[in-house]
């Protein structure tokens, strides 16, 4: 069981680093008055949908976050009941 716990911890660290990198690679939101006016109009009336790199990074962020949460819960349950 300790080997399985070690493997899960290593994968959890890999997911953590991957999640940090993917979040940092995403483009930031517009701030200030121009961002509030223009950004709101773009969301409401914009024809451009999220495509390309931003969409891929968004999908990867969801995947990494779900994987991180599942591994964290599994590791806690495993350490509480099996060790």
PDB file of N, CA and C in Angstrom:
ATOM      1  N   UNK A   1       0.801  -1.202   0.000  1.00  0.00           N
ATOM      2  CA  UNK A   1       0.000   0.000   0.000  1.00  0.00           C
ATOM      3  C   UNK A   1       0.844   1.266   0.000  1.00  0.00           C
ATOM      4  N   UNK A   2       2.019   1.181   0.577  1.00  0.00           N
ATOM      5  CA  UNK A   2       2.854   2.383   0.615  1.00  0.00           C
ATOM      6  C   UNK A   2       3.369   2.750  -0.766  1.00  0.00           C
ATOM      7  N   UNK A   3       3.581   1.750  -1.610  1.00  0.00           N
ATOM      8  CA  UNK A   3       4.027   2.033  -2.978  1.00  0.00           C
ATOM      9  C   UNK A   3       2.908   2.712  -3.754  1.00  0.00           C
ATOM     10  N   UNK A   4       1.671   2.234  -3.572  1.00  0.00           N
ATOM     11  CA  UNK A   4       0.526   2.861  -4.230  1.00  0.00           C
ATOM     12  C   UNK A   4       0.352   4.306  -3.751  1.00  0.00           C
ATOM     13  N   UNK A   5       0.523   4.528  -2.461  1.00  0.00           N
ATOM     14  CA  UNK A   5       0.428   5.872  -1.912  1.00  0.00           C
ATOM     15  C   UNK A   5       1.513   6.779  -2.499  1.00  0.00           C
ATOM     16  N   UNK A   6       2.711   6.262  -2.631  1.00  0.00           N
ATOM     17  CA  UNK A   6       3.806   7.045  -3.220  1.00  0.00           C
ATOM     18  C   UNK A   6       3.519   7.385  -4.681  1.00  0.00           C
ATOM     19  N   UNK A   7       2.999   6.429  -5.428  1.00  0.00           N
ATOM     20  CA  UNK A   7       2.666   6.674  -6.839  1.00  0.00           C
ATOM     21  C   UNK A   7       1.582   7.737  -6.959  1.00  0.00           C
ATOM     22  N   UNK A   8       0.566   7.643  -6.117  1.00  0.00           N
ATOM     23  CA  UNK A   8      -0.514   8.636  -6.155  1.00  0.00           C
ATOM     24  C   UNK A   8       0.014  10.019  -5.782  1.00  0.00           C
ATOM     25  N   UNK A   9       0.914  10.100  -4.819  1.00  0.00           N
ATOM     26  CA  UNK A   9       1.496  11.385  -4.430  1.00  0.00           C
ATOM     27  C   UNK A   9       2.308  11.989  -5.569  1.00  0.00           C
ATOM     28  N   UNK A  10       3.053  11.157  -6.277  1.00  0.00           N
ATOM     29  CA  UNK A  10       3.846  11.657  -7.413  1.00  0.00           C
ATOM     30  C   UNK A  10       2.930  12.165  -8.520  1.00  0.00           C
ATOM     31  N   UNK A  11       1.874  11.419  -8.820  1.00  0.00           N
ATOM     32  CA  UNK A  11       0.922  11.854  -9.849  1.00  0.00           C
ATOM     33  C   UNK A  11       0.199  13.120  -9.396  1.00  0.00           C
ATOM     34  N   UNK A  12      -0.100  13.223  -8.108  1.00  0.00           N
ATOM     35  CA  UNK A  12      -0.756  14.416  -7.569  1.00  0.00           C
ATOM     36  C   UNK A  12       0.138  15.654  -7.714  1.00  0.00           C
ATOM     37  N   UNK A  13       1.415  15.498  -7.470  1.00  0.00           N
ATOM     38  CA  UNK A  13       2.355  16.611  -7.660  1.00  0.00           C
ATOM     39  C   UNK A  13       2.424  16.994  -9.141  1.00  0.00           C
ATOM     40  N   UNK A  14       2.426  15.995 -10.020  1.00  0.00           N
ATOM     41  CA  UNK A  14       2.447  16.282 -11.460  1.00  0.00           C
ATOM     42  C   UNK A  14       1.187  17.039 -11.876  1.00  0.00           C
ATOM     43  N   UNK A  15       0.018  16.610 -11.377  1.00  0.00           N
ATOM     44  CA  UNK A  15      -1.227  17.323 -11.672  1.00  0.00           C
ATOM     45  C   UNK A  15      -1.182  18.742 -11.121  1.00  0.00           C
ATOM     46  N   UNK A  16      -0.597  18.921  -9.946  1.00  0.00           N
ATOM     47  CA  UNK A  16      -0.504  20.253  -9.329  1.00  0.00           C
ATOM     48  C   UNK A  16       0.328  21.191 -10.188  1.00  0.00           C
ATOM     49  N   UNK A  17       1.483  20.735 -10.604  1.00  0.00           N
ATOM     50  CA  UNK A  17       2.364  21.560 -11.436  1.00  0.00           C
ATOM     51  C   UNK A  17       1.697  21.858 -12.776  1.00  0.00           C
ATOM     52  N   UNK A  18       1.064  20.845 -13.363  1.00  0.00           N
ATOM     53  CA  UNK A  18       0.371  21.030 -14.639  1.00  0.00           C
ATOM     54  C   UNK A  18      -0.762  22.040 -14.509  1.00  0.00           C
ATOM     55  N   UNK A  19      -1.524  21.952 -13.413  1.00  0.00           N
ATOM     56  CA  UNK A  19      -2.619  22.887 -13.189  1.00  0.00           C
ATOM     57  C   UNK A  19      -2.097  24.316 -13.039  1.00  0.00           C
ATOM     58  N   UNK A  20      -1.023  24.494 -12.319  1.00  0.00           N
ATOM     59  CA  UNK A  20      -0.432  25.829 -12.146  1.00  0.00           C
ATOM     60  C   UNK A  20       0.026  26.397 -13.488  1.00  0.00           C
ATOM     61  N   UNK A  21       0.695  25.581 -14.274  1.00  0.00           N
ATOM     62  CA  UNK A  21       1.202  26.045 -15.574  1.00  0.00           C
ATOM     63  C   UNK A  21       0.063  26.414 -16.507  1.00  0.00           C
ATOM     64  N   UNK A  22      -0.973  25.573 -16.568  1.00  0.00           N
ATOM     65  CA  UNK A  22      -2.091  25.836 -17.476  1.00  0.00           C
ATOM     66  C   UNK A  22      -2.836  27.101 -17.066  1.00  0.00           C
ATOM     67  N   UNK A  23      -3.018  27.316 -15.777  1.00  0.00           N
ATOM     68  CA  UNK A  23      -3.705  28.524 -15.321  1.00  0.00           C
ATOM     69  C   UNK A  23      -2.869  29.762 -15.634  1.00  0.00           C
ATOM     70  N   UNK A  24      -1.577  29.677 -15.457  1.00  0.00           N
ATOM     71  CA  UNK A  24      -0.729  30.834 -15.741  1.00  0.00           C
ATOM     72  C   UNK A  24      -0.621  31.142 -17.225  1.00  0.00           C
ATOM     73  N   UNK A  25      -0.825  30.153 -18.089  1.00  0.00           N
ATOM     74  CA  UNK A  25      -0.752  30.380 -19.527  1.00  0.00           C
ATOM     75  C   UNK A  25      -2.008  31.036 -20.097  1.00  0.00           C
ATOM     76  N   UNK A  26      -3.095  31.013 -19.364  1.00  0.00           N
ATOM     77  CA  UNK A  26      -4.338  31.588 -19.873  1.00  0.00           C
ATOM     78  C   UNK A  26      -4.241  33.102 -19.928  1.00  0.00           C
ATOM     79  N   UNK A  27      -4.963  33.663 -20.893  1.00  0.00           N
ATOM     80  CA  UNK A  27      -4.947  35.119 -21.024  1.00  0.00           C
ATOM     81  C   UNK A  27      -5.800  35.736 -19.933  1.00  0.00           C
ATOM     82  N   UNK A  28      -5.373  36.888 -19.458  1.00  0.00           N
ATOM     83  CA  UNK A  28      -6.077  37.555 -18.374  1.00  0.00           C
ATOM     84  C   UNK A  28      -7.324  38.268 -18.862  1.00  0.00           C
ATOM     85  N   UNK A  29      -8.214  38.561 -17.938  1.00  0.00           N
ATOM     86  CA  UNK A  29      -9.425  39.302 -18.266  1.00  0.00           C
ATOM     87  C   UNK A  29      -9.095  40.784 -18.376  1.00  0.00           C
ATOM     88  N   UNK A  30      -9.876  41.485 -19.159  1.00  0.00           N
ATOM     89  CA  UNK A  30      -9.685  42.935 -19.278  1.00  0.00           C
ATOM     90  C   UNK A  30     -10.142  43.594 -17.989  1.00  0.00           C
ATOM     91  N   UNK A  31      -9.406  44.600 -17.572  1.00  0.00           N
ATOM     92  CA  UNK A  31      -9.768  45.295 -16.338  1.00  0.00           C
ATOM     93  C   UNK A  31      -9.959  46.772 -16.620  1.00  0.00           C
ATOM     94  N   UNK A  32     -10.577  47.446 -15.705  1.00  0.00           N
ATOM     95  CA  UNK A  32     -10.789  48.882 -15.843  1.00  0.00           C
ATOM     96  C   UNK A  32     -12.052  49.201 -16.622  1.00  0.00           C
ATOM     97  N   UNK A  33     -12.248  50.486 -16.899  1.00  0.00           N
ATOM     98  CA  UNK A  33     -13.446  50.942 -17.589  1.00  0.00           C
ATOM     99  C   UNK A  33     -13.507  50.415 -19.025  1.00  0.00           C
ATOM    100  N   UNK A  34     -12.437  50.481 -19.809  1.00  0.00           N
ATOM    101  CA  UNK A  34     -12.541  49.947 -21.171  1.00  0.00           C
ATOM    102  C   UNK A  34     -12.871  48.455 -21.195  1.00  0.00           C
ATOM    103  N   UNK A  35     -12.310  47.716 -20.259  1.00  0.00           N
ATOM    104  CA  UNK A  35     -12.608  46.289 -20.204  1.00  0.00           C
ATOM    105  C   UNK A  35     -14.033  46.021 -19.774  1.00  0.00           C
ATOM    106  N   UNK A  36     -14.550  46.838 -18.884  1.00  0.00           N
ATOM    107  CA  UNK A  36     -15.919  46.634 -18.402  1.00  0.00           C
ATOM    108  C   UNK A  36     -16.927  46.931 -19.504  1.00  0.00           C
ATOM    109  N   UNK A  37     -16.679  47.997 -20.259  1.00  0.00           N
ATOM    110  CA  UNK A  37     -17.616  48.370 -21.317  1.00  0.00           C
ATOM    111  C   UNK A  37     -17.440  47.449 -22.524  1.00  0.00           C
ATOM    112  N   UNK A  38     -16.239  47.364 -23.001  1.00  0.00           N
ATOM    113  CA  UNK A  38     -15.982  46.552 -24.194  1.00  0.00           C
ATOM    114  C   UNK A  38     -16.132  45.068 -23.937  1.00  0.00           C
ATOM    115  N   UNK A  39     -15.688  44.609 -22.779  1.00  0.00           N
ATOM    116  CA  UNK A  39     -15.770  43.188 -22.464  1.00  0.00           C
ATOM    117  C   UNK A  39     -17.192  42.715 -22.317  1.00  0.00           C
ATOM    118  N   UNK A  40     -18.031  43.547 -21.694  1.00  0.00           N
ATOM    119  CA  UNK A  40     -19.438  43.176 -21.533  1.00  0.00           C
ATOM    120  C   UNK A  40     -20.145  43.092 -22.869  1.00  0.00           C
ATOM    121  N   UNK A  41     -19.839  44.036 -23.743  1.00  0.00           N
ATOM    122  CA  UNK A  41     -20.458  44.016 -25.067  1.00  0.00           C
ATOM    123  C   UNK A  41     -19.967  42.810 -25.863  1.00  0.00           C
ATOM    124  N   UNK A  42     -18.721  42.481 -25.710  1.00  0.00           N
ATOM    125  CA  UNK A  42     -18.166  41.342 -26.437  1.00  0.00           C
ATOM    126  C   UNK A  42     -18.800  40.034 -25.987  1.00  0.00           C
ATOM    127  N   UNK A  43     -19.034  39.915 -24.694  1.00  0.00           N
ATOM    128  CA  UNK A  43     -19.659  38.697 -24.183  1.00  0.00           C
ATOM    129  C   UNK A  43     -21.102  38.625 -24.642  1.00  0.00           C
ATOM    130  N   UNK A  44     -21.786  39.763 -24.590  1.00  0.00           N
ATOM    131  CA  UNK A  44     -23.211  39.773 -24.914  1.00  0.00           C
ATOM    132  C   UNK A  44     -23.460  39.663 -26.407  1.00  0.00           C
ATOM    133  N   UNK A  45     -22.724  40.410 -27.186  1.00  0.00           N
ATOM    134  CA  UNK A  45     -23.013  40.497 -28.618  1.00  0.00           C
ATOM    135  C   UNK A  45     -21.904  39.958 -29.507  1.00  0.00           C
ATOM    136  N   UNK A  46     -20.836  39.496 -28.933  1.00  0.00           N
ATOM    137  CA  UNK A  46     -19.690  39.074 -29.725  1.00  0.00           C
ATOM    138  C   UNK A  46     -19.977  37.862 -30.587  1.00  0.00           C
ATOM    139  N   UNK A  47     -19.479  37.894 -31.788  1.00  0.00           N
ATOM    140  CA  UNK A  47     -19.651  36.779 -32.716  1.00  0.00           C
ATOM    141  C   UNK A  47     -18.544  35.746 -32.546  1.00  0.00           C
ATOM    142  N   UNK A  48     -17.434  36.190 -31.960  1.00  0.00           N
ATOM    143  CA  UNK A  48     -16.281  35.326 -31.818  1.00  0.00           C
ATOM    144  C   UNK A  48     -16.475  34.380 -30.644  1.00  0.00           C
ATOM    145  N   UNK A  49     -16.384  33.096 -30.883  1.00  0.00           N
ATOM    146  CA  UNK A  49     -16.458  32.137 -29.789  1.00  0.00           C
ATOM    147  C   UNK A  49     -15.043  31.761 -29.389  1.00  0.00           C
ATOM    148  N   UNK A  50     -14.935  31.223 -28.195  1.00  0.00           N
ATOM    149  CA  UNK A  50     -13.610  30.828 -27.707  1.00  0.00           C
ATOM    150  C   UNK A  50     -13.081  29.684 -28.559  1.00  0.00           C
ATOM    151  N   UNK A  51     -12.019  29.934 -29.250  1.00  0.00           N
ATOM    152  CA  UNK A  51     -11.404  28.931 -30.109  1.00  0.00           C
ATOM    153  C   UNK A  51      -9.907  28.956 -29.905  1.00  0.00           C
ATOM    154  N   UNK A  52      -9.283  27.952 -30.400  1.00  0.00           N
ATOM    155  CA  UNK A  52      -7.834  27.932 -30.412  1.00  0.00           C
ATOM    156  C   UNK A  52      -7.226  27.654 -29.063  1.00  0.00           C
ATOM    157  N   UNK A  53      -6.194  28.409 -28.758  1.00  0.00           N
ATOM    158  CA  UNK A  53      -5.399  28.176 -27.561  1.00  0.00           C
ATOM    159  C   UNK A  53      -6.188  28.396 -26.281  1.00  0.00           C
ATOM    160  N   UNK A  54      -7.015  29.438 -26.242  1.00  0.00           N
ATOM    161  CA  UNK A  54      -7.782  29.710 -25.015  1.00  0.00           C
ATOM    162  C   UNK A  54      -8.761  28.582 -24.705  1.00  0.00           C
ATOM    163  N   UNK A  55      -9.415  28.055 -25.719  1.00  0.00           N
ATOM    164  CA  UNK A  55     -10.362  26.956 -25.494  1.00  0.00           C
ATOM    165  C   UNK A  55      -9.634  25.704 -25.039  1.00  0.00           C
ATOM    166  N   UNK A  56      -8.494  25.439 -25.636  1.00  0.00           N
ATOM    167  CA  UNK A  56      -7.707  24.262 -25.249  1.00  0.00           C
ATOM    168  C   UNK A  56      -7.213  24.399 -23.814  1.00  0.00           C
ATOM    169  N   UNK A  57      -6.730  25.584 -23.454  1.00  0.00           N
ATOM    170  CA  UNK A  57      -6.259  25.801 -22.091  1.00  0.00           C
ATOM    171  C   UNK A  57      -7.402  25.699 -21.082  1.00  0.00           C
ATOM    172  N   UNK A  58      -8.583  26.145 -21.463  1.00  0.00           N
ATOM    173  CA  UNK A  58      -9.738  26.047 -20.578  1.00  0.00           C
ATOM    174  C   UNK A  58     -10.105  24.580 -20.339  1.00  0.00           C
ATOM    175  N   UNK A  59     -10.099  23.784 -21.403  1.00  0.00           N
ATOM    176  CA  UNK A  59     -10.381  22.354 -21.274  1.00  0.00           C
ATOM    177  C   UNK A  59      -9.330  21.651 -20.433  1.00  0.00           C
ATOM    178  N   UNK A  60      -8.070  21.979 -20.660  1.00  0.00           N
ATOM    179  CA  UNK A  60      -6.988  21.367 -19.889  1.00  0.00           C
ATOM    180  C   UNK A  60      -7.056  21.758 -18.420  1.00  0.00           C
ATOM    181  N   UNK A  61      -7.492  22.994 -18.143  1.00  0.00           N
ATOM    182  CA  UNK A  61      -7.644  23.428 -16.760  1.00  0.00           C
ATOM    183  C   UNK A  61      -8.718  22.614 -16.052  1.00  0.00           C
ATOM    184  N   UNK A  62      -9.842  22.395 -16.724  1.00  0.00           N
ATOM    185  CA  UNK A  62     -10.906  21.581 -16.138  1.00  0.00           C
ATOM    186  C   UNK A  62     -10.425  20.158 -15.879  1.00  0.00           C
ATOM    187  N   UNK A  63      -9.729  19.586 -16.840  1.00  0.00           N
ATOM    188  CA  UNK A  63      -9.216  18.229 -16.698  1.00  0.00           C
ATOM    189  C   UNK A  63      -8.242  18.131 -15.521  1.00  0.00           C
ATOM    190  N   UNK A  64      -7.323  19.084 -15.435  1.00  0.00           N
ATOM    191  CA  UNK A  64      -6.329  19.060 -14.359  1.00  0.00           C
ATOM    192  C   UNK A  64      -6.974  19.291 -12.995  1.00  0.00           C
ATOM    193  N   UNK A  65      -7.958  20.165 -12.923  1.00  0.00           N
ATOM    194  CA  UNK A  65      -8.623  20.445 -11.649  1.00  0.00           C
ATOM    195  C   UNK A  65      -9.420  19.229 -11.169  1.00  0.00           C
ATOM    196  N   UNK A  66     -10.143  18.588 -12.075  1.00  0.00           N
ATOM    197  CA  UNK A  66     -10.914  17.404 -11.696  1.00  0.00           C
ATOM    198  C   UNK A  66      -9.976  16.271 -11.295  1.00  0.00           C
ATOM    199  N   UNK A  67      -8.918  16.072 -12.044  1.00  0.00           N
ATOM    200  CA  UNK A  67      -7.938  15.042 -11.695  1.00  0.00           C
ATOM    201  C   UNK A  67      -7.286  15.304 -10.350  1.00  0.00           C
ATOM    202  N   UNK A  68      -6.954  16.548 -10.093  1.00  0.00           N
ATOM    203  CA  UNK A  68      -6.350  16.922  -8.813  1.00  0.00           C
ATOM    204  C   UNK A  68      -7.306  16.640  -7.656  1.00  0.00           C
ATOM    205  N   UNK A  69      -8.569  17.009  -7.820  1.00  0.00           N
ATOM    206  CA  UNK A  69      -9.546  16.794  -6.748  1.00  0.00           C
ATOM    207  C   UNK A  69      -9.786  15.303  -6.503  1.00  0.00           C
ATOM    208  N   UNK A  70      -9.931  14.533  -7.567  1.00  0.00           N
ATOM    209  CA  UNK A  70     -10.171  13.099  -7.409  1.00  0.00           C
ATOM    210  C   UNK A  70      -8.987  12.423  -6.737  1.00  0.00           C
ATOM    211  N   UNK A  71      -7.788  12.742  -7.175  1.00  0.00           N
ATOM    212  CA  UNK A  71      -6.605  12.145  -6.568  1.00  0.00           C
ATOM    213  C   UNK A  71      -6.451  12.559  -5.103  1.00  0.00           C
ATOM    214  N   UNK A  72      -6.763  13.801  -4.793  1.00  0.00           N
ATOM    215  CA  UNK A  72      -6.654  14.267  -3.402  1.00  0.00           C
ATOM    216  C   UNK A  72      -7.626  13.527  -2.494  1.00  0.00           C
ATOM    217  N   UNK A  73      -8.862  13.406  -2.929  1.00  0.00           N
ATOM    218  CA  UNK A  73      -9.867  12.707  -2.124  1.00  0.00           C
ATOM    219  C   UNK A  73      -9.497  11.233  -1.985  1.00  0.00           C
ATOM    220  N   UNK A  74      -9.078  10.614  -3.088  1.00  0.00           N
ATOM    221  CA  UNK A  74      -8.706   9.208  -3.037  1.00  0.00           C
ATOM    222  C   UNK A  74      -7.528   8.973  -2.099  1.00  0.00           C
ATOM    223  N   UNK A  75      -6.545   9.858  -2.133  1.00  0.00           N
ATOM    224  CA  UNK A  75      -5.383   9.724  -1.256  1.00  0.00           C
ATOM    225  C   UNK A  75      -5.784   9.867   0.209  1.00  0.00           C
ATOM    226  N   UNK A  76      -6.656  10.814   0.508  1.00  0.00           N
ATOM    227  CA  UNK A  76      -7.113  10.987   1.897  1.00  0.00           C
ATOM    228  C   UNK A  76      -7.894   9.767   2.379  1.00  0.00           C
ATOM    229  N   UNK A  77      -8.785   9.267   1.545  1.00  0.00           N
ATOM    230  CA  UNK A  77      -9.571   8.091   1.923  1.00  0.00           C
ATOM    231  C   UNK A  77      -8.666   6.881   2.089  1.00  0.00           C
ATOM    232  N   UNK A  78      -7.737   6.734   1.184  1.00  0.00           N
ATOM    233  CA  UNK A  78      -6.821   5.593   1.255  1.00  0.00           C
ATOM    234  C   UNK A  78      -5.975   5.647   2.526  1.00  0.00           C
ATOM    235  N   UNK A  79      -5.466   6.809   2.867  1.00  0.00           N
ATOM    236  CA  UNK A  79      -4.628   6.916   4.060  1.00  0.00           C
ATOM    237  C   UNK A  79      -5.437   6.760   5.341  1.00  0.00           C
ATOM    238  N   UNK A  80      -6.696   7.136   5.312  1.00  0.00           N
ATOM    239  CA  UNK A  80      -7.511   7.030   6.522  1.00  0.00           C
ATOM    240  C   UNK A  80      -7.957   5.586   6.772  1.00  0.00           C
ATOM    241  N   UNK A  81      -8.366   4.866   5.749  1.00  0.00           N
ATOM    242  CA  UNK A  81      -8.973   3.556   5.944  1.00  0.00           C
ATOM    243  C   UNK A  81      -8.041   2.372   5.669  1.00  0.00           C
ATOM    244  N   UNK A  82      -7.032   2.562   4.819  1.00  0.00           N
ATOM    245  CA  UNK A  82      -6.209   1.424   4.445  1.00  0.00           C
ATOM    246  C   UNK A  82      -4.825   1.429   5.086  1.00  0.00           C
ATOM    247  N   UNK A  83      -4.464   2.474   5.785  1.00  0.00           N
ATOM    248  CA  UNK A  83      -3.123   2.510   6.373  1.00  0.00           C
ATOM    249  C   UNK A  83      -3.183   2.607   7.864  1.00  0.00           C
TER     250      UNK A  83
END
